[in-house]
Amino acid sequence: MSSSEANKAAVRDCFEEASKGNFDALQGIVTADYVVHPEEVRGPEGLAEMVQAYRSALAGLSVTIEHQFTEGDYVATRTTIRGRHDGDLMGTPPTGRDVEFTGLTISRCRDGKLAEEWELVDTVGLLRQIGALPEMAEA
């Protein structure tokens, strides 16, 4: 397996294991000095804590990888995240609504593990789906 393919596999494993709540697996997938920007989440424990907040708020949390591209040590991944809003989410009480939103993550790998990531998530779309933001007016 090429290093590009190995890096893509590590990113896929991270999304899969984290979304399932298998946080012990993160020790072998991300580096000890791993960081997520812009949240500045650090290490496998920080990643587990961040993901657990979503798992607690979104029952049946699932992450589908739509596309992945590599360039050197970097992997770009476009995802769709789904779940049911059954817990507090960013200060919004449970609504029971099914939600679906997208994300884009750029991962930098080092020695076959994730060392650093930059995430852009459609938080506005997610908050609109749970009624935390008003719908946009139509023109």
N, C-alpha and C. Protein backbone atom coordinates (compact mmCIF):
# COMPACT_ATOMS: atom_id res chain seq x y z
N MET A 1 0.84 -1.18 0.00
CA MET A 1 0.00 0.00 0.00
C MET A 1 0.89 1.24 0.00
N SER A 2 0.57 2.21 -0.87
CA SER A 2 1.35 3.44 -0.93
C SER A 2 1.10 4.27 0.33
N SER A 3 1.99 5.24 0.59
CA SER A 3 1.79 6.09 1.77
C SER A 3 0.51 6.90 1.64
N SER A 4 0.16 7.32 0.42
CA SER A 4 -1.10 8.05 0.22
C SER A 4 -2.30 7.19 0.60
N GLU A 5 -2.28 5.93 0.15
CA GLU A 5 -3.38 5.02 0.49
C GLU A 5 -3.41 4.71 1.98
N ALA A 6 -2.24 4.56 2.59
CA ALA A 6 -2.16 4.31 4.04
C ALA A 6 -2.69 5.51 4.82
N ASN A 7 -2.37 6.72 4.36
CA ASN A 7 -2.86 7.92 5.03
C ASN A 7 -4.38 8.02 4.91
N LYS A 8 -4.92 7.74 3.72
CA LYS A 8 -6.38 7.75 3.54
C LYS A 8 -7.03 6.72 4.45
N ALA A 9 -6.43 5.56 4.57
CA ALA A 9 -6.98 4.50 5.43
C ALA A 9 -6.97 4.94 6.89
N ALA A 10 -5.90 5.61 7.32
CA ALA A 10 -5.83 6.09 8.71
C ALA A 10 -6.94 7.10 8.99
N VAL A 11 -7.19 8.00 8.04
CA VAL A 11 -8.25 8.99 8.20
C VAL A 11 -9.61 8.29 8.26
N ARG A 12 -9.84 7.34 7.36
CA ARG A 12 -11.11 6.58 7.38
C ARG A 12 -11.28 5.87 8.71
N ASP A 13 -10.21 5.22 9.19
CA ASP A 13 -10.28 4.52 10.47
C ASP A 13 -10.62 5.48 11.61
N CYS A 14 -10.04 6.67 11.57
CA CYS A 14 -10.30 7.65 12.63
C CYS A 14 -11.78 8.04 12.64
N PHE A 15 -12.33 8.37 11.49
CA PHE A 15 -13.75 8.73 11.42
C PHE A 15 -14.62 7.56 11.89
N GLU A 16 -14.31 6.36 11.44
CA GLU A 16 -15.13 5.19 11.78
C GLU A 16 -15.07 4.88 13.27
N GLU A 17 -13.89 4.79 13.82
CA GLU A 17 -13.75 4.41 15.23
C GLU A 17 -14.29 5.49 16.16
N ALA A 18 -14.01 6.75 15.84
CA ALA A 18 -14.50 7.84 16.68
C ALA A 18 -16.02 7.91 16.66
N SER A 19 -16.62 7.80 15.47
CA SER A 19 -18.08 7.90 15.40
C SER A 19 -18.77 6.75 16.11
N LYS A 20 -18.11 5.59 16.19
CA LYS A 20 -18.66 4.44 16.93
C LYS A 20 -18.40 4.54 18.43
N GLY A 21 -17.57 5.49 18.83
CA GLY A 21 -17.23 5.63 20.24
C GLY A 21 -16.12 4.71 20.69
N ASN A 22 -15.39 4.13 19.75
CA ASN A 22 -14.27 3.26 20.09
C ASN A 22 -13.02 4.13 20.28
N PHE A 23 -13.00 4.88 21.38
CA PHE A 23 -11.95 5.86 21.60
C PHE A 23 -10.60 5.24 21.92
N ASP A 24 -10.58 4.01 22.42
CA ASP A 24 -9.29 3.34 22.67
C ASP A 24 -8.49 3.18 21.38
N ALA A 25 -9.19 3.00 20.27
CA ALA A 25 -8.52 2.83 18.98
C ALA A 25 -7.79 4.09 18.54
N LEU A 26 -8.20 5.25 19.06
CA LEU A 26 -7.57 6.51 18.64
C LEU A 26 -6.10 6.57 19.01
N GLN A 27 -5.70 5.87 20.07
CA GLN A 27 -4.29 5.85 20.48
C GLN A 27 -3.38 5.38 19.35
N GLY A 28 -3.87 4.45 18.53
CA GLY A 28 -3.08 3.91 17.44
C GLY A 28 -3.28 4.63 16.11
N ILE A 29 -4.20 5.63 16.10
CA ILE A 29 -4.54 6.31 14.85
C ILE A 29 -4.03 7.74 14.81
N VAL A 30 -4.02 8.42 15.97
CA VAL A 30 -3.55 9.81 16.01
C VAL A 30 -2.30 9.89 16.89
N THR A 31 -1.46 10.87 16.60
CA THR A 31 -0.23 11.06 17.37
C THR A 31 -0.55 11.63 18.75
N ALA A 32 0.39 11.49 19.67
CA ALA A 32 0.21 12.03 21.02
C ALA A 32 0.06 13.55 21.01
N ASP A 33 0.71 14.22 20.02
CA ASP A 33 0.63 15.67 19.93
C ASP A 33 -0.36 16.16 18.87
N TYR A 34 -1.28 15.29 18.49
CA TYR A 34 -2.34 15.59 17.52
C TYR A 34 -3.09 16.87 17.93
N VAL A 35 -3.47 17.66 16.92
CA VAL A 35 -4.26 18.87 17.18
C VAL A 35 -5.29 19.06 16.07
N VAL A 36 -6.49 19.53 16.46
CA VAL A 36 -7.56 19.87 15.51
C VAL A 36 -7.73 21.39 15.54
N HIS A 37 -7.68 22.02 14.38
CA HIS A 37 -7.91 23.45 14.26
C HIS A 37 -9.31 23.67 13.69
N PRO A 38 -10.07 24.66 14.02
CA PRO A 38 -9.68 25.76 14.88
C PRO A 38 -9.97 25.52 16.37
N GLU A 39 -10.52 24.38 16.72
CA GLU A 39 -10.91 24.13 18.11
C GLU A 39 -9.72 24.01 19.05
N GLU A 40 -8.54 23.71 18.51
CA GLU A 40 -7.33 23.48 19.29
C GLU A 40 -7.48 22.29 20.24
N VAL A 41 -8.28 21.31 19.82
CA VAL A 41 -8.39 20.04 20.54
C VAL A 41 -7.05 19.34 20.42
N ARG A 42 -6.58 18.73 21.51
CA ARG A 42 -5.24 18.14 21.50
C ARG A 42 -5.24 16.69 21.96
N GLY A 43 -4.46 15.88 21.25
CA GLY A 43 -4.26 14.48 21.61
C GLY A 43 -5.48 13.61 21.40
N PRO A 44 -5.28 12.29 21.52
CA PRO A 44 -6.40 11.36 21.34
C PRO A 44 -7.51 11.60 22.36
N GLU A 45 -7.14 12.01 23.58
CA GLU A 45 -8.15 12.25 24.62
C GLU A 45 -9.01 13.47 24.27
N GLY A 46 -8.39 14.52 23.75
CA GLY A 46 -9.13 15.71 23.34
C GLY A 46 -10.08 15.41 22.20
N LEU A 47 -9.61 14.61 21.23
CA LEU A 47 -10.46 14.22 20.12
C LEU A 47 -11.65 13.41 20.62
N ALA A 48 -11.39 12.47 21.53
CA ALA A 48 -12.47 11.65 22.09
C ALA A 48 -13.51 12.52 22.79
N GLU A 49 -13.05 13.50 23.54
CA GLU A 49 -13.97 14.40 24.26
C GLU A 49 -14.83 15.20 23.28
N MET A 50 -14.21 15.71 22.21
CA MET A 50 -14.94 16.49 21.21
C MET A 50 -16.00 15.62 20.54
N VAL A 51 -15.60 14.43 20.12
CA VAL A 51 -16.54 13.54 19.43
C VAL A 51 -17.66 13.08 20.37
N GLN A 52 -17.31 12.81 21.64
CA GLN A 52 -18.32 12.36 22.59
C GLN A 52 -19.42 13.40 22.78
N ALA A 53 -19.08 14.68 22.70
CA ALA A 53 -20.10 15.72 22.80
C ALA A 53 -21.12 15.58 21.68
N TYR A 54 -20.67 15.27 20.48
CA TYR A 54 -21.59 15.04 19.36
C TYR A 54 -22.34 13.73 19.52
N ARG A 55 -21.65 12.69 19.97
CA ARG A 55 -22.31 11.39 20.18
C ARG A 55 -23.42 11.50 21.24
N SER A 56 -23.20 12.32 22.26
CA SER A 56 -24.20 12.50 23.31
C SER A 56 -25.41 13.28 22.80
N ALA A 57 -25.19 14.17 21.85
CA ALA A 57 -26.26 15.01 21.32
C ALA A 57 -26.98 14.38 20.14
N LEU A 58 -26.28 13.53 19.38
CA LEU A 58 -26.84 12.99 18.14
C LEU A 58 -26.86 11.46 18.20
N ALA A 59 -28.01 10.91 18.56
CA ALA A 59 -28.16 9.46 18.63
C ALA A 59 -27.95 8.85 17.24
N GLY A 60 -27.30 7.70 17.22
CA GLY A 60 -27.05 7.01 15.95
C GLY A 60 -26.08 7.75 15.06
N LEU A 61 -25.19 8.54 15.66
CA LEU A 61 -24.23 9.32 14.89
C LEU A 61 -23.52 8.44 13.86
N SER A 62 -23.54 8.89 12.62
CA SER A 62 -22.81 8.17 11.57
C SER A 62 -22.11 9.19 10.69
N VAL A 63 -20.96 8.78 10.18
CA VAL A 63 -20.17 9.63 9.29
C VAL A 63 -19.94 8.86 8.00
N THR A 64 -20.36 9.45 6.90
CA THR A 64 -20.14 8.85 5.58
C THR A 64 -19.07 9.66 4.87
N ILE A 65 -18.03 8.98 4.41
CA ILE A 65 -16.99 9.65 3.63
C ILE A 65 -17.45 9.69 2.18
N GLU A 66 -17.61 10.90 1.68
CA GLU A 66 -18.09 11.10 0.31
C GLU A 66 -16.94 11.14 -0.70
N HIS A 67 -15.86 11.83 -0.34
CA HIS A 67 -14.69 11.95 -1.22
C HIS A 67 -13.44 12.06 -0.37
N GLN A 68 -12.33 11.54 -0.91
CA GLN A 68 -11.01 11.73 -0.31
C GLN A 68 -9.99 11.97 -1.40
N PHE A 69 -9.08 12.90 -1.13
CA PHE A 69 -7.99 13.21 -2.06
C PHE A 69 -6.71 13.33 -1.24
N THR A 70 -5.60 12.96 -1.83
CA THR A 70 -4.32 13.06 -1.13
C THR A 70 -3.33 13.89 -1.93
N GLU A 71 -2.43 14.51 -1.19
CA GLU A 71 -1.30 15.23 -1.75
C GLU A 71 -0.19 15.15 -0.72
N GLY A 72 0.81 14.35 -0.99
CA GLY A 72 1.90 14.18 -0.03
C GLY A 72 1.36 13.61 1.28
N ASP A 73 1.65 14.30 2.38
CA ASP A 73 1.21 13.86 3.71
C ASP A 73 -0.20 14.33 4.06
N TYR A 74 -0.87 15.00 3.13
CA TYR A 74 -2.19 15.58 3.41
C TYR A 74 -3.31 14.77 2.77
N VAL A 75 -4.42 14.67 3.51
CA VAL A 75 -5.62 13.99 3.01
C VAL A 75 -6.79 14.95 3.19
N ALA A 76 -7.52 15.22 2.11
CA ALA A 76 -8.74 16.02 2.17
C ALA A 76 -9.92 15.06 2.16
N THR A 77 -10.85 15.23 3.09
CA THR A 77 -11.98 14.32 3.23
C THR A 77 -13.27 15.13 3.35
N ARG A 78 -14.23 14.86 2.46
CA ARG A 78 -15.56 15.47 2.56
C ARG A 78 -16.50 14.44 3.14
N THR A 79 -17.23 14.83 4.20
CA THR A 79 -18.08 13.89 4.92
C THR A 79 -19.52 14.39 5.01
N THR A 80 -20.42 13.45 5.24
CA THR A 80 -21.80 13.75 5.62
C THR A 80 -22.02 13.10 6.97
N ILE A 81 -22.50 13.89 7.92
CA ILE A 81 -22.73 13.42 9.29
C ILE A 81 -24.24 13.39 9.53
N ARG A 82 -24.71 12.30 10.12
CA ARG A 82 -26.14 12.13 10.35
C ARG A 82 -26.38 11.67 11.79
N GLY A 83 -27.56 11.97 12.30
CA GLY A 83 -27.96 11.50 13.61
C GLY A 83 -29.30 12.09 13.99
N ARG A 84 -29.79 11.72 15.15
CA ARG A 84 -31.05 12.26 15.69
C ARG A 84 -30.71 13.12 16.90
N HIS A 85 -31.20 14.34 16.89
CA HIS A 85 -30.91 15.30 17.95
C HIS A 85 -31.66 14.90 19.23
N ASP A 86 -31.01 14.05 20.03
CA ASP A 86 -31.62 13.52 21.25
C ASP A 86 -30.93 14.01 22.53
N GLY A 87 -30.00 14.92 22.43
CA GLY A 87 -29.30 15.46 23.60
C GLY A 87 -28.97 16.92 23.38
N ASP A 88 -28.53 17.59 24.43
CA ASP A 88 -28.17 19.00 24.33
C ASP A 88 -27.07 19.18 23.28
N LEU A 89 -27.27 20.13 22.38
CA LEU A 89 -26.30 20.39 21.32
C LEU A 89 -26.05 21.89 21.24
N MET A 90 -24.87 22.30 21.65
CA MET A 90 -24.48 23.72 21.60
C MET A 90 -25.53 24.59 22.29
N GLY A 91 -26.03 24.12 23.42
CA GLY A 91 -27.00 24.88 24.19
C GLY A 91 -28.44 24.71 23.76
N THR A 92 -28.70 23.88 22.77
CA THR A 92 -30.06 23.66 22.29
C THR A 92 -30.56 22.32 22.82
N PRO A 93 -31.69 22.34 23.55
CA PRO A 93 -32.22 21.09 24.09
C PRO A 93 -32.65 20.14 22.98
N PRO A 94 -32.78 18.84 23.28
CA PRO A 94 -33.15 17.85 22.27
C PRO A 94 -34.46 18.18 21.56
N THR A 95 -34.47 17.95 20.25
CA THR A 95 -35.68 18.18 19.45
C THR A 95 -36.24 16.88 18.88
N GLY A 96 -35.43 15.82 18.88
CA GLY A 96 -35.85 14.57 18.26
C GLY A 96 -35.77 14.60 16.74
N ARG A 97 -35.27 15.67 16.19
CA ARG A 97 -35.18 15.81 14.72
C ARG A 97 -33.98 15.04 14.17
N ASP A 98 -34.18 14.44 13.00
CA ASP A 98 -33.06 13.85 12.28
C ASP A 98 -32.30 14.99 11.62
N VAL A 99 -30.98 14.94 11.69
CA VAL A 99 -30.15 15.98 11.11
C VAL A 99 -29.14 15.36 10.15
N GLU A 100 -28.71 16.17 9.22
CA GLU A 100 -27.69 15.79 8.25
C GLU A 100 -26.92 17.05 7.89
N PHE A 101 -25.60 16.99 8.03
CA PHE A 101 -24.78 18.15 7.69
C PHE A 101 -23.45 17.66 7.15
N THR A 102 -22.72 18.57 6.53
CA THR A 102 -21.48 18.19 5.85
C THR A 102 -20.26 18.78 6.56
N GLY A 103 -19.14 18.17 6.26
CA GLY A 103 -17.88 18.66 6.80
C GLY A 103 -16.76 18.44 5.79
N LEU A 104 -15.71 19.21 5.96
CA LEU A 104 -14.50 19.07 5.16
C LEU A 104 -13.33 19.09 6.12
N THR A 105 -12.51 18.07 6.07
CA THR A 105 -11.37 17.95 6.96
C THR A 105 -10.10 17.78 6.13
N ILE A 106 -9.10 18.57 6.46
CA ILE A 106 -7.77 18.41 5.86
C ILE A 106 -6.90 17.80 6.96
N SER A 107 -6.37 16.62 6.72
CA SER A 107 -5.56 15.91 7.71
C SER A 107 -4.11 15.88 7.26
N ARG A 108 -3.21 16.16 8.19
CA ARG A 108 -1.76 16.00 7.92
C ARG A 108 -1.31 14.77 8.67
N CYS A 109 -0.72 13.85 7.94
CA CYS A 109 -0.29 12.59 8.54
C CYS A 109 1.22 12.59 8.74
N ARG A 110 1.63 11.84 9.77
CA ARG A 110 3.05 11.67 10.07
C ARG A 110 3.25 10.23 10.52
N ASP A 111 4.11 9.52 9.83
CA ASP A 111 4.42 8.13 10.18
C ASP A 111 3.16 7.26 10.27
N GLY A 112 2.22 7.48 9.34
CA GLY A 112 1.02 6.64 9.26
C GLY A 112 -0.08 7.00 10.25
N LYS A 113 0.11 8.10 11.01
CA LYS A 113 -0.92 8.54 11.97
C LYS A 113 -1.34 9.97 11.66
N LEU A 114 -2.51 10.36 12.14
CA LEU A 114 -2.97 11.72 11.98
C LEU A 114 -2.27 12.60 13.01
N ALA A 115 -1.63 13.67 12.54
CA ALA A 115 -0.88 14.57 13.42
C ALA A 115 -1.60 15.90 13.61
N GLU A 116 -2.35 16.32 12.58
CA GLU A 116 -2.97 17.64 12.64
C GLU A 116 -4.14 17.66 11.67
N GLU A 117 -5.21 18.35 12.06
CA GLU A 117 -6.37 18.46 11.16
C GLU A 117 -6.96 19.86 11.23
N TRP A 118 -7.53 20.26 10.11
CA TRP A 118 -8.28 21.50 10.00
C TRP A 118 -9.68 21.10 9.58
N GLU A 119 -10.68 21.54 10.34
CA GLU A 119 -12.07 21.14 10.07
C GLU A 119 -12.94 22.35 9.75
N LEU A 120 -13.78 22.17 8.75
CA LEU A 120 -14.84 23.11 8.41
C LEU A 120 -16.13 22.30 8.40
N VAL A 121 -17.04 22.62 9.31
CA VAL A 121 -18.30 21.89 9.44
C VAL A 121 -19.44 22.87 9.23
N ASP A 122 -20.50 22.42 8.57
CA ASP A 122 -21.67 23.27 8.33
C ASP A 122 -22.49 23.41 9.62
N THR A 123 -21.92 24.12 10.58
CA THR A 123 -22.57 24.32 11.87
C THR A 123 -23.85 25.14 11.71
N VAL A 124 -23.85 26.12 10.83
CA VAL A 124 -25.04 26.94 10.61
C VAL A 124 -26.19 26.05 10.11
N GLY A 125 -25.92 25.18 9.15
CA GLY A 125 -26.95 24.27 8.66
C GLY A 125 -27.46 23.34 9.75
N LEU A 126 -26.55 22.84 10.58
CA LEU A 126 -26.93 21.97 11.69
C LEU A 126 -27.83 22.72 12.67
N LEU A 127 -27.43 23.92 13.07
CA LEU A 127 -28.21 24.70 14.03
C LEU A 127 -29.57 25.09 13.48
N ARG A 128 -29.65 25.33 12.18
CA ARG A 128 -30.97 25.62 11.57
C ARG A 128 -31.87 24.39 11.66
N GLN A 129 -31.31 23.20 11.42
CA GLN A 129 -32.12 21.98 11.44
C GLN A 129 -32.71 21.69 12.82
N ILE A 130 -32.03 22.13 13.88
CA ILE A 130 -32.55 21.87 15.24
C ILE A 130 -33.29 23.09 15.80
N GLY A 131 -33.50 24.09 14.95
CA GLY A 131 -34.29 25.25 15.36
C GLY A 131 -33.54 26.26 16.21
N ALA A 132 -32.22 26.18 16.23
CA ALA A 132 -31.43 27.12 17.03
C ALA A 132 -31.18 28.43 16.28
N LEU A 133 -31.39 28.43 14.98
CA LEU A 133 -31.25 29.63 14.15
C LEU A 133 -32.48 29.75 13.27
N PRO A 134 -32.89 30.96 12.95
CA PRO A 134 -34.05 31.12 12.07
C PRO A 134 -33.72 30.69 10.64
N GLU A 135 -34.75 30.27 9.94
CA GLU A 135 -34.58 29.94 8.52
C GLU A 135 -34.26 31.24 7.77
N MET A 136 -33.51 31.11 6.70
CA MET A 136 -33.19 32.29 5.89
C MET A 136 -34.42 32.68 5.09
N ALA A 137 -34.61 33.99 4.95
CA ALA A 137 -35.74 34.50 4.15
C ALA A 137 -35.46 34.23 2.68
N GLU A 138 -36.54 33.92 1.96
CA GLU A 138 -36.40 33.71 0.51
C GLU A 138 -36.47 35.05 -0.19
N ALA A 139 -35.72 35.18 -1.27
CA ALA A 139 -35.68 36.44 -2.02
C ALA A 139 -36.90 36.60 -2.89
